[in-house]
Amino acid sequence: MRILCLFLALVLFQAHSKSITILVNAPEGAVGLYEFAPETELEKNAYISAIEYLKSKKKEIYRYYIIKHGLNVNSGIYQFYLQHSASLGNSDKLIINKSYNNGIIHYDVKTNKVIKFERWRR
């Protein structure tokens, strides 16, 4: 019994001294926005602009996943399709539906900035 009490005291002390964030597993084929590793200069510039845009809107970037990304060659727009972790799951009966946070970030290659955040529901 003493060992159990000591163990619980240590666990509570550790939990009290650190903030713990538990995230759901990423959707298949997706990567966390904070884990994305740009391979080209274009991807790097688009990624940095997307992060700055989300931060300016006071969004928690660690809660987003990149579903897909790429350059539309015809328009010169680089797009990130993002899904918020709160909207993950197989049920439409979420207690708090935050699918309004899902969106497409449009980055203009010519002007080197984010031009639009378009909402979408997945």
Protein backbone atom coordinates (compact mmCIF):
# COMPACT_ATOMS: atom_id res chain seq x y z
CA MET A 1 0.00 0.00 0.00
CA ARG A 2 2.85 2.37 0.81
CA ILE A 3 4.43 1.69 -2.57
CA LEU A 4 1.17 2.45 -4.32
CA CYS A 5 0.78 5.73 -2.41
CA LEU A 6 4.37 6.70 -3.19
CA PHE A 7 3.86 5.88 -6.87
CA LEU A 8 0.67 7.96 -7.05
CA ALA A 9 2.37 10.86 -5.27
CA LEU A 10 5.23 10.81 -7.79
CA VAL A 11 2.86 10.63 -10.75
CA LEU A 12 0.76 13.51 -9.43
CA PHE A 13 3.87 15.59 -8.77
CA GLN A 14 5.10 14.96 -12.33
CA ALA A 15 1.70 15.74 -13.85
CA HIS A 16 1.42 18.92 -11.77
CA SER A 17 4.84 20.23 -12.78
CA LYS A 18 4.39 19.72 -16.53
CA SER A 19 1.61 20.44 -18.95
CA ILE A 20 0.64 17.37 -20.90
CA THR A 21 -0.99 17.50 -24.34
CA ILE A 22 -2.55 14.35 -25.69
CA LEU A 23 -3.28 14.38 -29.40
CA VAL A 24 -5.22 11.88 -31.42
CA ASN A 25 -3.39 9.82 -34.00
CA ALA A 26 -3.01 11.50 -37.36
CA PRO A 27 -5.27 10.39 -40.20
CA GLU A 28 -3.69 7.86 -42.54
CA GLY A 29 -1.27 9.58 -44.91
CA ALA A 30 -1.36 12.87 -43.00
CA VAL A 31 1.47 14.55 -41.15
CA GLY A 32 1.30 16.96 -38.24
CA LEU A 33 1.75 20.57 -39.32
CA TYR A 34 4.50 20.94 -36.72
CA GLU A 35 6.26 17.80 -38.08
CA PHE A 36 6.23 18.80 -41.75
CA ALA A 37 9.71 18.79 -43.32
CA PRO A 38 9.83 20.94 -46.48
CA GLU A 39 12.01 19.46 -49.21
CA THR A 40 12.28 22.46 -51.55
CA GLU A 41 12.69 26.20 -51.16
CA LEU A 42 9.13 26.71 -52.44
CA GLU A 43 7.70 24.30 -49.82
CA LYS A 44 9.76 25.99 -47.11
CA ASN A 45 8.50 29.48 -48.01
CA ALA A 46 4.90 28.28 -48.26
CA TYR A 47 5.19 26.42 -44.94
CA ILE A 48 6.67 29.40 -43.10
CA SER A 49 3.95 31.70 -44.47
CA ALA A 50 1.23 29.21 -43.50
CA ILE A 51 2.59 28.96 -39.94
CA GLU A 52 2.80 32.75 -39.62
CA TYR A 53 -0.76 33.09 -40.94
CA LEU A 54 -2.15 30.57 -38.43
CA LYS A 55 -0.23 32.19 -35.57
CA SER A 56 -1.59 35.62 -36.55
CA LYS A 57 -5.09 34.14 -36.26
CA LYS A 58 -4.17 32.74 -32.82
CA LYS A 59 -4.55 29.12 -33.94
CA GLU A 60 -2.77 26.27 -32.14
CA ILE A 61 -0.60 24.87 -34.93
CA TYR A 62 0.14 21.62 -33.09
CA ARG A 63 -3.54 20.69 -33.54
CA TYR A 64 -3.42 20.70 -37.36
CA TYR A 65 -2.60 17.92 -39.78
CA ILE A 66 -1.63 18.32 -43.42
CA ILE A 67 -3.89 16.02 -45.43
CA LYS A 68 -2.28 16.94 -48.74
CA HIS A 69 -0.26 19.77 -50.21
CA GLY A 70 1.05 20.81 -53.58
CA LEU A 71 1.48 23.43 -56.26
CA ASN A 72 -1.24 24.22 -58.78
CA VAL A 73 0.97 24.90 -61.79
CA ASN A 74 -1.76 26.71 -63.77
CA SER A 75 -2.47 29.31 -61.09
CA GLY A 76 0.91 29.44 -59.29
CA ILE A 77 -0.81 28.78 -55.96
CA TYR A 78 0.63 26.37 -53.40
CA GLN A 79 -2.05 24.76 -51.23
CA PHE A 80 -2.06 23.08 -47.84
CA TYR A 81 -5.19 21.06 -47.00
CA LEU A 82 -5.41 21.16 -43.19
CA GLN A 83 -7.55 19.19 -40.77
CA HIS A 84 -7.95 20.18 -37.13
CA SER A 85 -7.48 17.40 -34.57
CA ALA A 86 -10.82 18.20 -32.92
CA SER A 87 -12.63 17.25 -36.12
CA LEU A 88 -11.02 13.80 -36.39
CA GLY A 89 -13.13 10.73 -35.90
CA ASN A 90 -15.67 8.62 -37.69
CA SER A 91 -18.73 10.15 -36.09
CA ASP A 92 -20.72 13.23 -37.03
CA LYS A 93 -21.97 13.27 -33.43
CA LEU A 94 -18.95 14.98 -31.92
CA ILE A 95 -19.67 16.81 -28.70
CA ILE A 96 -17.88 19.90 -29.94
CA ASN A 97 -17.63 19.95 -33.71
CA LYS A 98 -14.66 22.06 -34.73
CA SER A 99 -14.69 21.20 -38.42
CA TYR A 100 -14.88 24.95 -39.11
CA ASN A 101 -11.12 24.96 -38.35
CA ASN A 102 -10.43 22.70 -41.34
CA GLY A 103 -9.30 24.60 -44.37
CA ILE A 104 -7.12 25.15 -47.37
CA ILE A 105 -4.32 27.67 -47.09
CA HIS A 106 -3.59 29.27 -50.46
CA TYR A 107 -0.03 30.59 -50.81
CA ASP A 108 0.80 32.78 -53.81
CA VAL A 109 4.25 32.01 -55.15
CA LYS A 110 4.61 35.38 -56.91
CA THR A 111 3.80 37.59 -53.92
CA ASN A 112 5.32 35.19 -51.37
CA LYS A 113 2.35 35.35 -48.97
CA VAL A 114 -0.84 33.59 -47.95
CA ILE A 115 -3.70 35.03 -49.96
CA LYS A 116 -6.66 33.05 -48.63
CA PHE A 117 -7.83 30.56 -46.02
CA GLU A 118 -10.80 28.65 -47.41
CA ARG A 119 -12.87 26.61 -44.97
CA TRP A 120 -13.88 23.07 -45.82
CA ARG A 121 -15.56 20.24 -43.96
CA ARG A 122 -14.15 16.78 -44.21
